[in-house]
Amino acid sequence: LRRLDVSEPFRAPVDAQSAAYARVVREPIDLSAVARKLRSGGYAATGGAGFARDVRLVHANAVAFCERGDSEPREACAVMRAAQVLRAAFEGRWAAEVTTNRHSRTADVGGGGDDDDD
């Protein structure tokens, strides 16, 4: 996701000095924080659900700030559109990953393979 052009506003934390952002967003997160957490095993307890929650939170924070923040309307619209494209890209990839893993687990327990030993 970080390689997508639209991810640029979400690759690093929002400036900590932004009072407007702090007023609106209670749980700030960005893609670099998600990547660090992923690399360090921070999703061990929550698994894929925790990872997906954090990526979706990036989107939710952007939407909340654009709708209720003090940002320039034109800029807010651009950030919101970028967040929507990023979310759509994530959801498409996430659905494919979940489907792949579901099929893999089924095959591992013998429920989905074509090589019967009868």
Protein backbone atom coordinates (compact mmCIF):
# COMPACT_ATOMS: atom_id res chain seq x y z
CA LEU A 1 0.00 0.00 0.00
CA ARG A 2 2.85 2.39 0.78
CA ARG A 3 3.98 2.12 -2.84
CA LEU A 4 0.74 3.56 -4.17
CA ASP A 5 0.94 7.25 -5.04
CA VAL A 6 -2.24 7.97 -3.06
CA SER A 7 -0.59 6.67 0.12
CA GLU A 8 1.74 9.67 0.37
CA PRO A 9 -0.37 11.60 2.95
CA PHE A 10 -0.53 8.47 5.14
CA ARG A 11 3.08 7.24 5.05
CA ALA A 12 4.24 9.23 8.08
CA PRO A 13 2.59 10.56 11.24
CA VAL A 14 0.65 13.81 11.08
CA ASP A 15 2.61 16.65 12.63
CA ALA A 16 2.25 16.33 16.40
CA GLN A 17 1.81 20.10 16.61
CA SER A 18 -1.45 19.99 14.68
CA ALA A 19 -4.01 20.90 17.33
CA ALA A 20 -6.88 20.54 14.85
CA TYR A 21 -5.89 16.96 14.07
CA ALA A 22 -5.47 16.11 17.76
CA ARG A 23 -8.95 17.48 18.49
CA VAL A 24 -10.57 15.22 15.92
CA VAL A 25 -8.42 12.07 15.84
CA ARG A 26 -8.22 10.18 19.13
CA GLU A 27 -6.11 7.25 17.92
CA PRO A 28 -3.60 8.47 15.34
CA ILE A 29 -1.91 5.91 13.13
CA ASP A 30 -0.11 5.97 9.79
CA LEU A 31 1.29 3.38 7.39
CA SER A 32 4.82 3.61 8.82
CA ALA A 33 3.44 2.72 12.27
CA VAL A 34 1.52 -0.21 10.78
CA ALA A 35 4.70 -1.41 9.01
CA ARG A 36 6.78 -1.11 12.22
CA LYS A 37 4.16 -3.01 14.18
CA LEU A 38 4.05 -5.71 11.50
CA ARG A 39 7.85 -6.09 11.43
CA SER A 40 8.15 -6.20 15.22
CA GLY A 41 5.46 -8.84 15.73
CA GLY A 42 3.01 -6.34 17.16
CA TYR A 43 0.10 -8.17 15.55
CA ALA A 44 0.95 -11.52 17.15
CA ALA A 45 -1.93 -11.28 19.62
CA THR A 46 -4.53 -9.82 17.26
CA GLY A 47 -3.40 -11.44 14.02
CA GLY A 48 -4.80 -10.32 10.71
CA ALA A 49 -7.81 -8.74 12.36
CA GLY A 50 -5.59 -6.29 14.25
CA PHE A 51 -3.61 -5.49 11.12
CA ALA A 52 -6.79 -4.87 9.10
CA ARG A 53 -8.21 -2.74 11.92
CA ASP A 54 -5.15 -0.49 11.91
CA VAL A 55 -5.15 -0.05 8.13
CA ARG A 56 -8.86 0.78 8.25
CA LEU A 57 -8.16 3.23 11.08
CA VAL A 58 -5.79 5.15 8.79
CA HIS A 59 -8.75 5.64 6.46
CA ALA A 60 -11.23 6.41 9.23
CA ASN A 61 -8.92 9.04 10.74
CA ALA A 62 -8.48 10.76 7.38
CA VAL A 63 -12.22 10.82 6.76
CA ALA A 64 -12.97 12.10 10.27
CA PHE A 65 -10.41 14.86 10.00
CA CYS A 66 -11.54 15.90 6.55
CA GLU A 67 -15.16 16.05 7.65
CA ARG A 68 -14.65 17.76 11.01
CA GLY A 69 -11.18 19.26 10.96
CA ASP A 70 -10.01 22.78 10.25
CA SER A 71 -8.25 21.86 7.02
CA GLU A 72 -8.68 23.69 3.74
CA PRO A 73 -11.77 22.23 1.99
CA ARG A 74 -9.95 21.55 -1.28
CA GLU A 75 -7.07 19.87 0.54
CA ALA A 76 -9.47 17.89 2.71
CA CYS A 77 -11.26 16.59 -0.36
CA ALA A 78 -7.98 15.48 -1.93
CA VAL A 79 -6.92 13.67 1.25
CA MET A 80 -10.32 12.05 1.60
CA ARG A 81 -10.26 10.86 -2.02
CA ALA A 82 -6.75 9.46 -1.48
CA ALA A 83 -7.95 7.70 1.68
CA GLN A 84 -10.88 6.19 -0.21
CA VAL A 85 -8.63 4.89 -3.01
CA LEU A 86 -6.18 3.50 -0.46
CA ARG A 87 -8.98 1.79 1.46
CA ALA A 88 -10.39 0.26 -1.74
CA ALA A 89 -6.95 -1.04 -2.70
CA PHE A 90 -6.48 -2.51 0.76
CA GLU A 91 -9.91 -4.15 0.86
CA GLY A 92 -9.35 -5.76 -2.54
CA ARG A 93 -5.96 -7.13 -1.53
CA TRP A 94 -7.21 -8.14 1.91
CA ALA A 95 -10.17 -10.06 0.48
CA ALA A 96 -7.83 -11.90 -1.88
CA GLU A 97 -5.47 -12.73 1.00
CA VAL A 98 -8.28 -13.98 3.22
CA THR A 99 -9.65 -16.13 0.39
CA THR A 100 -6.21 -17.55 -0.38
CA ASN A 101 -5.58 -18.38 3.28
CA ARG A 102 -9.03 -19.93 3.67
CA HIS A 103 -8.40 -22.21 0.66
CA SER A 104 -4.93 -23.04 1.94
CA ARG A 105 -6.24 -24.08 5.37
CA THR A 106 -8.95 -26.21 3.76
CA ALA A 107 -6.37 -27.99 1.63
CA ASP A 108 -4.11 -28.50 4.66
CA VAL A 109 -6.80 -30.45 6.51
CA GLY A 110 -7.72 -32.51 3.48
CA GLY A 111 -10.98 -30.81 2.66
CA GLY A 112 -10.09 -29.08 -0.56
CA GLY A 113 -7.42 -31.06 -2.33
CA ASP A 114 -7.92 -32.99 -5.56
CA ASP A 115 -5.48 -35.78 -4.77
CA ASP A 116 -7.61 -38.44 -3.07
CA ASP A 117 -5.80 -41.46 -1.67
CA ASP A 118 -8.78 -43.86 -2.00
